[in-house]
Amino acid sequence: MSNHAAVSAETLDLLKRSAAVPSVPHVVTRFLEFTQQADFEYDDLAELLGTDPGIASEILRLANSALFGVRRKVTSLRQALTLLGLKRIRSLVLSRYMVQSVGRGIRGGVDMSYLWRRSLASAVLAARLADALLPGQREEAFISTLLADIGVVILADALHQRYLPVAEHYRPCQPYDLTDLERETVGVTHAVVTALVLEHWQLPELIVKAARLHHTWPLEEGLDEQVAACARICNGSSRIGKLLCEKPQPGQVAGVCCQAMDMVGLEMSVLAGTLGKIESDIQELAEILRVDVIPSNTYERIANEVQELISTPQT
């Protein structure tokens, strides 16, 4: 953990020993072992995933969804694995088990329905923005953004009353950045704790680093180019994703979206073209992951405000 500077060693040690850090399910461990072998067989991978009927049916459902645009009916797990590719399958497997492990309801004062709703909105947006900026790392952008805030739950679960004043701010229409309050209250940020969990789950370094940096701006110098790009996407998408889960005040949309897209490094026109497409993606993925989302007109409203902003001549 030497790259996690200026954090409370005592708090991190407590978290490592805490039952709040979810253990890695056997299927995930075996899946990651399989996919790290250069000569693995898809048939063996299909057999492994087939031992969990839930994940097998969800992979088939995903393979046939509009989210990934497969043109013909997929009927076998082996066919789904080949068509979707390892990165997408990894995203689904990890997302499914992380949602299952971290849970739902209220944990340590954190509304899990809100957390997953916000995380899904941010992650789907991140995947779309990665298509324009970092297409080869689309799935890394998606998974690092989806899981970026699980450190909030781990801290709330492990530290209980100490973290409660922070957890109470993880709600709609609250100040965006929790990290200053976290440092002051418990000596470590949820971004660092998320990275700790993702390392424990043996996720790729790119995903771990992007999640750790999703509240860091400007980014530290000397970062690998792909890490920096993925972190920028994660950071900007998380800001806009929060906005999509509340009722922004007049004038708030322009400021948040402009700042976020400056971070990402893409024009506002890219965001305008993306916002109209993601709500159905979020709904579909929420059903696959069994996460509750609340239909609203916020997506349309923000899309209209962004479109109006880029259509208005700048003086």
C-alpha atoms as a PDB file:
ATOM      1  CA  MET A   1       0.000   0.000   0.000  1.00  0.00           C
ATOM      2  CA  SER A   2       3.016   2.286  -0.322  1.00  0.00           C
ATOM      3  CA  ASN A   3       1.376   4.246  -3.139  1.00  0.00           C
ATOM      4  CA  HIS A   4      -1.480   5.252  -0.833  1.00  0.00           C
ATOM      5  CA  ALA A   5       0.177   8.275   0.684  1.00  0.00           C
ATOM      6  CA  ALA A   6      -1.034  10.346   3.626  1.00  0.00           C
ATOM      7  CA  VAL A   7      -3.587   7.890   5.004  1.00  0.00           C
ATOM      8  CA  SER A   8      -4.152   6.537   8.476  1.00  0.00           C
ATOM      9  CA  ALA A   9      -2.209   3.280   8.786  1.00  0.00           C
ATOM     10  CA  GLU A  10      -4.227   2.402  11.877  1.00  0.00           C
ATOM     11  CA  THR A  11      -7.544   2.814  10.051  1.00  0.00           C
ATOM     12  CA  LEU A  12      -6.359   0.824   7.055  1.00  0.00           C
ATOM     13  CA  ASP A  13      -5.154  -1.974   9.316  1.00  0.00           C
ATOM     14  CA  LEU A  14      -8.543  -2.019  11.034  1.00  0.00           C
ATOM     15  CA  LEU A  15     -10.291  -2.252   7.667  1.00  0.00           C
ATOM     16  CA  LYS A  16      -8.065  -5.101   6.507  1.00  0.00           C
ATOM     17  CA  ARG A  17      -8.973  -7.076   9.614  1.00  0.00           C
ATOM     18  CA  SER A  18     -12.644  -6.160   9.383  1.00  0.00           C
ATOM     19  CA  ALA A  19     -15.365  -8.465   8.093  1.00  0.00           C
ATOM     20  CA  ALA A  20     -16.632  -5.411   6.188  1.00  0.00           C
ATOM     21  CA  VAL A  21     -14.185  -6.115   3.345  1.00  0.00           C
ATOM     22  CA  PRO A  22     -16.029  -8.662   1.181  1.00  0.00           C
ATOM     23  CA  SER A  23     -14.291 -11.943   0.504  1.00  0.00           C
ATOM     24  CA  VAL A  24     -13.779 -13.103  -3.058  1.00  0.00           C
ATOM     25  CA  PRO A  25     -16.318 -15.786  -4.081  1.00  0.00           C
ATOM     26  CA  HIS A  26     -14.838 -19.058  -5.354  1.00  0.00           C
ATOM     27  CA  VAL A  27     -16.338 -18.603  -8.822  1.00  0.00           C
ATOM     28  CA  VAL A  28     -14.658 -15.201  -9.173  1.00  0.00           C
ATOM     29  CA  THR A  29     -11.304 -16.540  -7.976  1.00  0.00           C
ATOM     30  CA  ARG A  30     -11.421 -19.434 -10.436  1.00  0.00           C
ATOM     31  CA  PHE A  31     -12.651 -17.129 -13.222  1.00  0.00           C
ATOM     32  CA  LEU A  32      -9.725 -14.738 -12.731  1.00  0.00           C
ATOM     33  CA  GLU A  33      -7.291 -17.668 -12.602  1.00  0.00           C
ATOM     34  CA  PHE A  34      -8.684 -19.031 -15.864  1.00  0.00           C
ATOM     35  CA  THR A  35      -8.499 -15.744 -17.723  1.00  0.00           C
ATOM     36  CA  GLN A  36      -4.909 -15.103 -16.665  1.00  0.00           C
ATOM     37  CA  GLN A  37      -3.812 -18.253 -18.486  1.00  0.00           C
ATOM     38  CA  ALA A  38      -2.751 -17.647 -22.082  1.00  0.00           C
ATOM     39  CA  ASP A  39      -3.958 -21.086 -23.201  1.00  0.00           C
ATOM     40  CA  PHE A  40      -7.296 -21.284 -21.373  1.00  0.00           C
ATOM     41  CA  GLU A  41     -10.232 -22.962 -23.122  1.00  0.00           C
ATOM     42  CA  TYR A  42     -13.587 -21.221 -23.526  1.00  0.00           C
ATOM     43  CA  ASP A  43     -15.321 -24.544 -22.916  1.00  0.00           C
ATOM     44  CA  ASP A  44     -13.656 -24.802 -19.484  1.00  0.00           C
ATOM     45  CA  LEU A  45     -14.652 -21.221 -18.671  1.00  0.00           C
ATOM     46  CA  ALA A  46     -18.251 -21.893 -19.744  1.00  0.00           C
ATOM     47  CA  GLU A  47     -18.297 -24.999 -17.544  1.00  0.00           C
ATOM     48  CA  LEU A  48     -17.060 -22.977 -14.544  1.00  0.00           C
ATOM     49  CA  LEU A  49     -19.596 -20.174 -14.962  1.00  0.00           C
ATOM     50  CA  GLY A  50     -22.301 -22.741 -15.620  1.00  0.00           C
ATOM     51  CA  THR A  51     -21.934 -23.937 -12.022  1.00  0.00           C
ATOM     52  CA  ASP A  52     -23.766 -20.756 -10.994  1.00  0.00           C
ATOM     53  CA  PRO A  53     -27.155 -20.767 -12.759  1.00  0.00           C
ATOM     54  CA  GLY A  54     -27.736 -17.139 -11.808  1.00  0.00           C
ATOM     55  CA  ILE A  55     -24.600 -15.771 -13.455  1.00  0.00           C
ATOM     56  CA  ALA A  56     -25.036 -18.090 -16.448  1.00  0.00           C
ATOM     57  CA  SER A  57     -28.559 -16.814 -17.162  1.00  0.00           C
ATOM     58  CA  GLU A  58     -27.467 -13.206 -16.677  1.00  0.00           C
ATOM     59  CA  ILE A  59     -24.590 -13.615 -19.150  1.00  0.00           C
ATOM     60  CA  LEU A  60     -27.040 -14.993 -21.714  1.00  0.00           C
ATOM     61  CA  ARG A  61     -29.455 -12.158 -21.042  1.00  0.00           C
ATOM     62  CA  LEU A  62     -26.689  -9.605 -21.387  1.00  0.00           C
ATOM     63  CA  ALA A  63     -25.449 -11.186 -24.606  1.00  0.00           C
ATOM     64  CA  ASN A  64     -28.918 -10.752 -26.108  1.00  0.00           C
ATOM     65  CA  SER A  65     -29.471  -7.218 -24.814  1.00  0.00           C
ATOM     66  CA  ALA A  66     -29.417  -4.032 -26.859  1.00  0.00           C
ATOM     67  CA  LEU A  67     -26.634  -2.829 -24.581  1.00  0.00           C
ATOM     68  CA  PHE A  68     -24.049  -4.778 -26.573  1.00  0.00           C
ATOM     69  CA  GLY A  69     -25.755  -4.820 -29.960  1.00  0.00           C
ATOM     70  CA  VAL A  70     -25.391  -8.528 -30.796  1.00  0.00           C
ATOM     71  CA  ARG A  71     -27.387  -9.104 -33.989  1.00  0.00           C
ATOM     72  CA  ARG A  72     -28.302 -12.764 -33.628  1.00  0.00           C
ATOM     73  CA  LYS A  73     -29.912 -14.773 -30.849  1.00  0.00           C
ATOM     74  CA  VAL A  74     -27.348 -16.173 -28.413  1.00  0.00           C
ATOM     75  CA  THR A  75     -28.436 -19.492 -26.947  1.00  0.00           C
ATOM     76  CA  SER A  76     -25.345 -21.019 -25.304  1.00  0.00           C
ATOM     77  CA  LEU A  77     -22.965 -19.811 -22.623  1.00  0.00           C
ATOM     78  CA  ARG A  78     -19.998 -20.749 -24.806  1.00  0.00           C
ATOM     79  CA  GLN A  79     -21.341 -18.606 -27.644  1.00  0.00           C
ATOM     80  CA  ALA A  80     -22.015 -15.706 -25.268  1.00  0.00           C
ATOM     81  CA  LEU A  81     -18.449 -15.792 -23.953  1.00  0.00           C
ATOM     82  CA  THR A  82     -17.034 -15.692 -27.468  1.00  0.00           C
ATOM     83  CA  LEU A  83     -19.302 -12.890 -28.658  1.00  0.00           C
ATOM     84  CA  LEU A  84     -19.002 -10.636 -25.619  1.00  0.00           C
ATOM     85  CA  GLY A  85     -15.296 -11.180 -25.000  1.00  0.00           C
ATOM     86  CA  LEU A  86     -13.446 -11.648 -21.754  1.00  0.00           C
ATOM     87  CA  LYS A  87     -13.478  -8.007 -20.668  1.00  0.00           C
ATOM     88  CA  ARG A  88     -17.250  -7.700 -20.831  1.00  0.00           C
ATOM     89  CA  ILE A  89     -17.760 -11.028 -19.134  1.00  0.00           C
ATOM     90  CA  ARG A  90     -15.316  -9.973 -16.416  1.00  0.00           C
ATOM     91  CA  SER A  91     -17.274  -6.732 -15.908  1.00  0.00           C
ATOM     92  CA  LEU A  92     -20.530  -8.618 -15.509  1.00  0.00           C
ATOM     93  CA  VAL A  93     -19.076 -11.304 -13.212  1.00  0.00           C
ATOM     94  CA  LEU A  94     -17.373  -8.778 -10.945  1.00  0.00           C
ATOM     95  CA  SER A  95     -20.348  -6.405 -10.934  1.00  0.00           C
ATOM     96  CA  ARG A  96     -22.789  -9.169 -10.096  1.00  0.00           C
ATOM     97  CA  TYR A  97     -20.761 -10.571  -7.212  1.00  0.00           C
ATOM     98  CA  MET A  98     -19.743  -7.180  -5.852  1.00  0.00           C
ATOM     99  CA  VAL A  99     -23.384  -6.070  -5.720  1.00  0.00           C
ATOM    100  CA  GLN A 100     -24.210  -9.378  -4.072  1.00  0.00           C
ATOM    101  CA  SER A 101     -21.339  -9.092  -1.552  1.00  0.00           C
ATOM    102  CA  VAL A 102     -21.717  -5.423  -0.658  1.00  0.00           C
ATOM    103  CA  GLY A 103     -25.505  -5.741  -0.474  1.00  0.00           C
ATOM    104  CA  ARG A 104     -28.602  -3.594  -0.576  1.00  0.00           C
ATOM    105  CA  GLY A 105     -30.877  -1.814   1.888  1.00  0.00           C
ATOM    106  CA  ILE A 106     -29.252   0.484   4.465  1.00  0.00           C
ATOM    107  CA  ARG A 107     -25.717  -0.270   5.649  1.00  0.00           C
ATOM    108  CA  GLY A 108     -24.037   1.901   8.256  1.00  0.00           C
ATOM    109  CA  GLY A 109     -26.329   4.780   7.378  1.00  0.00           C
ATOM    110  CA  VAL A 110     -25.653   4.463   3.634  1.00  0.00           C
ATOM    111  CA  ASP A 111     -28.673   4.103   1.344  1.00  0.00           C
ATOM    112  CA  MET A 112     -27.504   1.259  -0.912  1.00  0.00           C
ATOM    113  CA  SER A 113     -30.268   1.865  -3.439  1.00  0.00           C
ATOM    114  CA  TYR A 114     -28.928   5.376  -3.958  1.00  0.00           C
ATOM    115  CA  LEU A 115     -25.324   4.164  -4.078  1.00  0.00           C
ATOM    116  CA  TRP A 116     -26.000   1.585  -6.793  1.00  0.00           C
ATOM    117  CA  ARG A 117     -28.275   3.936  -8.737  1.00  0.00           C
ATOM    118  CA  ARG A 118     -25.577   6.601  -8.714  1.00  0.00           C
ATOM    119  CA  SER A 119     -22.811   4.099  -9.464  1.00  0.00           C
ATOM    120  CA  LEU A 120     -24.696   2.585 -12.409  1.00  0.00           C
ATOM    121  CA  ALA A 121     -25.439   5.987 -13.933  1.00  0.00           C
ATOM    122  CA  SER A 122     -21.792   7.002 -13.589  1.00  0.00           C
ATOM    123  CA  ALA A 123     -20.464   3.689 -14.952  1.00  0.00           C
ATOM    124  CA  VAL A 124     -22.682   3.531 -18.033  1.00  0.00           C
ATOM    125  CA  LEU A 125     -21.742   7.131 -18.820  1.00  0.00           C
ATOM    126  CA  ALA A 126     -18.054   6.272 -18.305  1.00  0.00           C
ATOM    127  CA  ALA A 127     -18.312   3.395 -20.785  1.00  0.00           C
ATOM    128  CA  ARG A 128     -19.887   5.686 -23.380  1.00  0.00           C
ATOM    129  CA  LEU A 129     -17.258   8.396 -22.883  1.00  0.00           C
ATOM    130  CA  ALA A 130     -14.503   5.785 -23.085  1.00  0.00           C
ATOM    131  CA  ASP A 131     -15.838   4.819 -26.530  1.00  0.00           C
ATOM    132  CA  ALA A 132     -14.830   8.305 -27.653  1.00  0.00           C
ATOM    133  CA  LEU A 133     -11.612   8.713 -25.669  1.00  0.00           C
ATOM    134  CA  LEU A 134     -10.244   5.303 -24.692  1.00  0.00           C
ATOM    135  CA  PRO A 135     -12.073   2.574 -26.660  1.00  0.00           C
ATOM    136  CA  GLY A 136      -9.559  -0.148 -25.837  1.00  0.00           C
ATOM    137  CA  GLN A 137     -10.247   0.304 -22.115  1.00  0.00           C
ATOM    138  CA  ARG A 138     -14.036   0.676 -22.222  1.00  0.00           C
ATOM    139  CA  GLU A 139     -14.631  -2.114 -19.720  1.00  0.00           C
ATOM    140  CA  GLU A 140     -11.905  -0.876 -17.365  1.00  0.00           C
ATOM    141  CA  ALA A 141     -13.547   2.569 -17.340  1.00  0.00           C
ATOM    142  CA  PHE A 142     -16.916   0.947 -16.671  1.00  0.00           C
ATOM    143  CA  ILE A 143     -15.859  -1.325 -13.807  1.00  0.00           C
ATOM    144  CA  SER A 144     -13.607   1.223 -12.049  1.00  0.00           C
ATOM    145  CA  THR A 145     -16.439   3.770 -12.081  1.00  0.00           C
ATOM    146  CA  LEU A 146     -19.135   1.284 -11.055  1.00  0.00           C
ATOM    147  CA  LEU A 147     -17.143   0.203  -8.007  1.00  0.00           C
ATOM    148  CA  ALA A 148     -15.508   3.544  -7.178  1.00  0.00           C
ATOM    149  CA  ASP A 149     -17.748   4.305  -4.185  1.00  0.00           C
ATOM    150  CA  ILE A 150     -17.855   0.917  -2.461  1.00  0.00           C
ATOM    151  CA  GLY A 151     -15.278   2.307  -0.036  1.00  0.00           C
ATOM    152  CA  VAL A 152     -18.111   4.414   1.413  1.00  0.00           C
ATOM    153  CA  VAL A 153     -19.967   1.231   2.398  1.00  0.00           C
ATOM    154  CA  ILE A 154     -16.858  -0.484   3.763  1.00  0.00           C
ATOM    155  CA  LEU A 155     -15.985   2.510   5.939  1.00  0.00           C
ATOM    156  CA  ALA A 156     -19.568   2.861   7.167  1.00  0.00           C
ATOM    157  CA  ASP A 157     -19.785  -0.839   7.984  1.00  0.00           C
ATOM    158  CA  ALA A 158     -16.388  -1.108   9.679  1.00  0.00           C
ATOM    159  CA  LEU A 159     -16.240   2.197  11.558  1.00  0.00           C
ATOM    160  CA  HIS A 160     -19.929   2.612  12.411  1.00  0.00           C
ATOM    161  CA  GLN A 161     -20.431   5.731  14.542  1.00  0.00           C
ATOM    162  CA  ARG A 162     -17.082   7.271  13.590  1.00  0.00           C
ATOM    163  CA  TYR A 163     -18.090   7.358   9.933  1.00  0.00           C
ATOM    164  CA  LEU A 164     -21.784   8.171  10.403  1.00  0.00           C
ATOM    165  CA  PRO A 165     -21.356  11.985  10.073  1.00  0.00           C
ATOM    166  CA  VAL A 166     -19.756  11.324   6.663  1.00  0.00           C
ATOM    167  CA  ALA A 167     -22.300   8.717   5.576  1.00  0.00           C
ATOM    168  CA  GLU A 168     -25.072  11.222   6.190  1.00  0.00           C
ATOM    169  CA  HIS A 169     -23.619  13.357   3.388  1.00  0.00           C
ATOM    170  CA  TYR A 170     -23.795  10.492   0.857  1.00  0.00           C
ATOM    171  CA  ARG A 171     -27.263  11.466  -0.306  1.00  0.00           C
ATOM    172  CA  PRO A 172     -28.810  13.486  -3.153  1.00  0.00           C
ATOM    173  CA  CYS A 173     -28.177  17.219  -3.167  1.00  0.00           C
ATOM    174  CA  GLN A 174     -25.356  17.035  -0.617  1.00  0.00           C
ATOM    175  CA  PRO A 175     -21.894  18.555  -1.203  1.00  0.00           C
ATOM    176  CA  TYR A 176     -20.093  16.480  -3.842  1.00  0.00           C
ATOM    177  CA  ASP A 177     -16.679  15.815  -2.371  1.00  0.00           C
ATOM    178  CA  LEU A 178     -16.645  13.697   0.783  1.00  0.00           C
ATOM    179  CA  THR A 179     -12.886  13.297   0.859  1.00  0.00           C
ATOM    180  CA  ASP A 180     -11.998  16.301   3.029  1.00  0.00           C
ATOM    181  CA  LEU A 181     -14.551  15.253   5.638  1.00  0.00           C
ATOM    182  CA  GLU A 182     -13.308  11.656   5.471  1.00  0.00           C
ATOM    183  CA  ARG A 183      -9.703  12.660   6.043  1.00  0.00           C
ATOM    184  CA  GLU A 184     -10.752  14.828   8.984  1.00  0.00           C
ATOM    185  CA  THR A 185     -13.081  12.224  10.498  1.00  0.00           C
ATOM    186  CA  VAL A 186     -11.415   8.838   9.915  1.00  0.00           C
ATOM    187  CA  GLY A 187      -8.044   9.621   8.322  1.00  0.00           C
ATOM    188  CA  VAL A 188      -8.653   7.824   5.040  1.00  0.00           C
ATOM    189  CA  THR A 189     -10.806   8.450   1.959  1.00  0.00           C
ATOM    190  CA  HIS A 190     -13.317   6.060   0.457  1.00  0.00           C
ATOM    191  CA  ALA A 191     -11.321   6.157  -2.807  1.00  0.00           C
ATOM    192  CA  VAL A 192      -8.309   4.613  -1.047  1.00  0.00           C
ATOM    193  CA  VAL A 193     -10.509   2.021   0.650  1.00  0.00           C
ATOM    194  CA  THR A 194     -12.122   1.125  -2.677  1.00  0.00           C
ATOM    195  CA  ALA A 195      -8.649   0.572  -4.125  1.00  0.00           C
ATOM    196  CA  LEU A 196      -7.837  -1.626  -1.129  1.00  0.00           C
ATOM    197  CA  VAL A 197     -10.885  -3.818  -1.838  1.00  0.00           C
ATOM    198  CA  LEU A 198     -10.228  -4.010  -5.578  1.00  0.00           C
ATOM    199  CA  GLU A 199      -6.637  -5.050  -4.885  1.00  0.00           C
ATOM    200  CA  HIS A 200      -7.983  -7.696  -2.516  1.00  0.00           C
ATOM    201  CA  TRP A 201     -10.189  -8.956  -5.359  1.00  0.00           C
ATOM    202  CA  GLN A 202      -7.086  -9.030  -7.595  1.00  0.00           C
ATOM    203  CA  LEU A 203      -8.463  -6.676 -10.212  1.00  0.00           C
ATOM    204  CA  PRO A 204      -6.094  -5.236 -12.836  1.00  0.00           C
ATOM    205  CA  GLU A 205      -3.878  -2.373 -11.738  1.00  0.00           C
ATOM    206  CA  LEU A 206      -5.511   0.021 -14.226  1.00  0.00           C
ATOM    207  CA  ILE A 207      -8.899  -0.444 -12.553  1.00  0.00           C
ATOM    208  CA  VAL A 208      -7.473  -0.150  -9.038  1.00  0.00           C
ATOM    209  CA  LYS A 209      -5.572   3.060  -9.799  1.00  0.00           C
ATOM    210  CA  ALA A 210      -8.460   4.702 -11.665  1.00  0.00           C
ATOM    211  CA  ALA A 211     -10.793   4.067  -8.721  1.00  0.00           C
ATOM    212  CA  ARG A 212      -8.209   5.368  -6.240  1.00  0.00           C
ATOM    213  CA  LEU A 213      -7.879   8.606  -8.239  1.00  0.00           C
ATOM    214  CA  HIS A 214     -11.560   9.254  -8.913  1.00  0.00           C
ATOM    215  CA  HIS A 215     -11.630  12.229  -6.511  1.00  0.00           C
ATOM    216  CA  THR A 216      -8.126  13.480  -7.321  1.00  0.00           C
ATOM    217  CA  TRP A 217      -7.862  16.651  -9.406  1.00  0.00           C
ATOM    218  CA  PRO A 218      -5.547  17.671 -10.865  1.00  0.00           C
ATOM    219  CA  LEU A 219      -3.981  14.247 -11.285  1.00  0.00           C
ATOM    220  CA  GLU A 220      -0.508  13.567 -10.012  1.00  0.00           C
ATOM    221  CA  GLU A 221       2.294  13.804 -12.545  1.00  0.00           C
ATOM    222  CA  GLY A 222       4.042  10.814 -14.074  1.00  0.00           C
ATOM    223  CA  LEU A 223       0.987   8.565 -14.367  1.00  0.00           C
ATOM    224  CA  ASP A 224       0.740   5.994 -17.120  1.00  0.00           C
ATOM    225  CA  GLU A 225      -1.269   7.506 -19.991  1.00  0.00           C
ATOM    226  CA  GLN A 226      -4.010   4.869 -19.859  1.00  0.00           C
ATOM    227  CA  VAL A 227      -4.323   5.153 -16.080  1.00  0.00           C
ATOM    228  CA  ALA A 228      -4.612   8.929 -16.338  1.00  0.00           C
ATOM    229  CA  ALA A 229      -7.251   8.747 -19.091  1.00  0.00           C
ATOM    230  CA  CYS A 230      -9.290   6.131 -17.207  1.00  0.00           C
ATOM    231  CA  ALA A 231      -9.060   8.149 -13.979  1.00  0.00           C
ATOM    232  CA  ARG A 232     -10.229  11.301 -15.782  1.00  0.00           C
ATOM    233  CA  ILE A 233     -13.220   9.430 -17.202  1.00  0.00           C
ATOM    234  CA  CYS A 234     -14.029   7.958 -13.783  1.00  0.00           C
ATOM    235  CA  ASN A 235     -13.756  11.360 -12.105  1.00  0.00           C
ATOM    236  CA  GLY A 236     -15.853  13.282 -14.632  1.00  0.00           C
ATOM    237  CA  SER A 237     -18.480  10.557 -15.010  1.00  0.00           C
ATOM    238  CA  SER A 238     -18.885  10.286 -11.233  1.00  0.00           C
ATOM    239  CA  ARG A 239     -19.645  13.993 -11.017  1.00  0.00           C
ATOM    240  CA  ILE A 240     -22.247  13.863 -13.769  1.00  0.00           C
ATOM    241  CA  GLY A 241     -23.638  10.552 -12.464  1.00  0.00           C
ATOM    242  CA  LYS A 242     -24.379  12.202  -9.126  1.00  0.00           C
ATOM    243  CA  LEU A 243     -26.196  14.980 -10.953  1.00  0.00           C
ATOM    244  CA  LEU A 244     -28.327  12.413 -12.806  1.00  0.00           C
ATOM    245  CA  CYS A 245     -29.566  11.016  -9.477  1.00  0.00           C
ATOM    246  CA  GLU A 246     -30.965  14.232  -8.053  1.00  0.00           C
ATOM    247  CA  LYS A 247     -32.887  17.338  -9.046  1.00  0.00           C
ATOM    248  CA  PRO A 248     -30.216  19.911  -9.881  1.00  0.00           C
ATOM    249  CA  GLN A 249     -30.799  23.555  -9.157  1.00  0.00           C
ATOM    250  CA  PRO A 250     -31.100  26.050 -12.053  1.00  0.00           C
ATOM    251  CA  GLY A 251     -27.659  26.823 -13.404  1.00  0.00           C
ATOM    252  CA  GLN A 252     -26.023  23.878 -11.616  1.00  0.00           C
ATOM    253  CA  VAL A 253     -25.999  21.609 -14.675  1.00  0.00           C
ATOM    254  CA  ALA A 254     -23.799  23.848 -16.815  1.00  0.00           C
ATOM    255  CA  GLY A 255     -21.146  24.279 -14.147  1.00  0.00           C
ATOM    256  CA  VAL A 256     -20.893  20.599 -13.167  1.00  0.00           C
ATOM    257  CA  CYS A 257     -20.989  19.270 -16.740  1.00  0.00           C
ATOM    258  CA  CYS A 258     -18.473  21.772 -18.102  1.00  0.00           C
ATOM    259  CA  GLN A 259     -16.039  21.036 -15.275  1.00  0.00           C
ATOM    260  CA  ALA A 260     -16.519  17.284 -15.627  1.00  0.00           C
ATOM    261  CA  MET A 261     -15.983  17.260 -19.384  1.00  0.00           C
ATOM    262  CA  ASP A 262     -12.892  19.436 -18.981  1.00  0.00           C
ATOM    263  CA  MET A 263     -11.567  16.725 -16.668  1.00  0.00           C
ATOM    264  CA  VAL A 264     -12.406  13.983 -19.152  1.00  0.00           C
ATOM    265  CA  GLY A 265     -10.937  15.939 -22.051  1.00  0.00           C
ATOM    266  CA  LEU A 266     -13.928  15.751 -24.397  1.00  0.00           C
ATOM    267  CA  GLU A 267     -16.204  18.374 -25.903  1.00  0.00           C
ATOM    268  CA  MET A 268     -19.636  19.038 -24.397  1.00  0.00           C
ATOM    269  CA  SER A 269     -21.160  17.900 -27.695  1.00  0.00           C
ATOM    270  CA  VAL A 270     -20.017  14.343 -26.879  1.00  0.00           C
ATOM    271  CA  LEU A 271     -21.911  14.496 -23.588  1.00  0.00           C
ATOM    272  CA  ALA A 272     -24.979  15.910 -25.313  1.00  0.00           C
ATOM    273  CA  GLY A 273     -24.983  13.010 -27.760  1.00  0.00           C
ATOM    274  CA  THR A 274     -24.490  10.483 -24.958  1.00  0.00           C
ATOM    275  CA  LEU A 275     -27.052  11.533 -22.351  1.00  0.00           C
ATOM    276  CA  GLY A 276     -30.014  10.662 -24.551  1.00  0.00           C
ATOM    277  CA  LYS A 277     -28.779   7.072 -24.948  1.00  0.00           C
ATOM    278  CA  ILE A 278     -27.794   5.958 -21.484  1.00  0.00           C
ATOM    279  CA  GLU A 279     -31.039   5.814 -19.496  1.00  0.00           C
ATOM    280  CA  SER A 280     -32.241   2.641 -21.207  1.00  0.00           C
ATOM    281  CA  ASP A 281     -28.768   1.103 -20.789  1.00  0.00           C
ATOM    282  CA  ILE A 282     -28.866   1.890 -17.066  1.00  0.00           C
ATOM    283  CA  GLN A 283     -32.342   0.402 -16.698  1.00  0.00           C
ATOM    284  CA  GLU A 284     -31.352  -2.784 -18.489  1.00  0.00           C
ATOM    285  CA  LEU A 285     -28.159  -3.266 -16.514  1.00  0.00           C
ATOM    286  CA  ALA A 286     -29.999  -2.496 -13.266  1.00  0.00           C
ATOM    287  CA  GLU A 287     -32.416  -5.331 -14.013  1.00  0.00           C
ATOM    288  CA  ILE A 288     -29.542  -7.735 -14.716  1.00  0.00           C
ATOM    289  CA  LEU A 289     -27.767  -6.773 -11.481  1.00  0.00           C
ATOM    290  CA  ARG A 290     -31.056  -6.586  -9.542  1.00  0.00           C
ATOM    291  CA  VAL A 291     -30.498  -2.967  -8.546  1.00  0.00           C
ATOM    292  CA  ASP A 292     -33.403  -0.557  -8.075  1.00  0.00           C
ATOM    293  CA  VAL A 293     -33.438   2.580 -10.196  1.00  0.00           C
ATOM    294  CA  ILE A 294     -36.060   5.303 -10.117  1.00  0.00           C
ATOM    295  CA  PRO A 295     -37.379   6.560 -13.475  1.00  0.00           C
ATOM    296  CA  SER A 296     -37.242  10.340 -13.724  1.00  0.00           C
ATOM    297  CA  ASN A 297     -37.097  13.165 -16.214  1.00  0.00           C
ATOM    298  CA  THR A 298     -33.676  14.249 -14.926  1.00  0.00           C
ATOM    299  CA  TYR A 299     -31.787  12.656 -17.832  1.00  0.00           C
ATOM    300  CA  GLU A 300     -33.916  14.461 -20.394  1.00  0.00           C
ATOM    301  CA  ARG A 301     -33.714  17.726 -18.500  1.00  0.00           C
ATOM    302  CA  ILE A 302     -29.931  17.623 -18.217  1.00  0.00           C
ATOM    303  CA  ALA A 303     -29.576  16.554 -21.854  1.00  0.00           C
ATOM    304  CA  ASN A 304     -31.717  19.515 -22.908  1.00  0.00           C
ATOM    305  CA  GLU A 305     -29.716  21.934 -20.748  1.00  0.00           C
ATOM    306  CA  VAL A 306     -26.420  20.647 -22.149  1.00  0.00           C
ATOM    307  CA  GLN A 307     -27.745  20.895 -25.710  1.00  0.00           C
ATOM    308  CA  GLU A 308     -28.967  24.428 -25.050  1.00  0.00           C
ATOM    309  CA  LEU A 309     -25.590  25.317 -23.587  1.00  0.00           C
ATOM    310  CA  ILE A 310     -23.628  24.182 -26.647  1.00  0.00           C
ATOM    311  CA  SER A 311     -26.180  25.781 -29.002  1.00  0.00           C
ATOM    312  CA  THR A 312     -25.926  29.200 -27.349  1.00  0.00           C
ATOM    313  CA  PRO A 313     -23.276  31.428 -28.963  1.00  0.00           C
ATOM    314  CA  GLN A 314     -20.489  32.184 -26.509  1.00  0.00           C
ATOM    315  CA  THR A 315     -19.679  35.847 -25.981  1.00  0.00           C
END
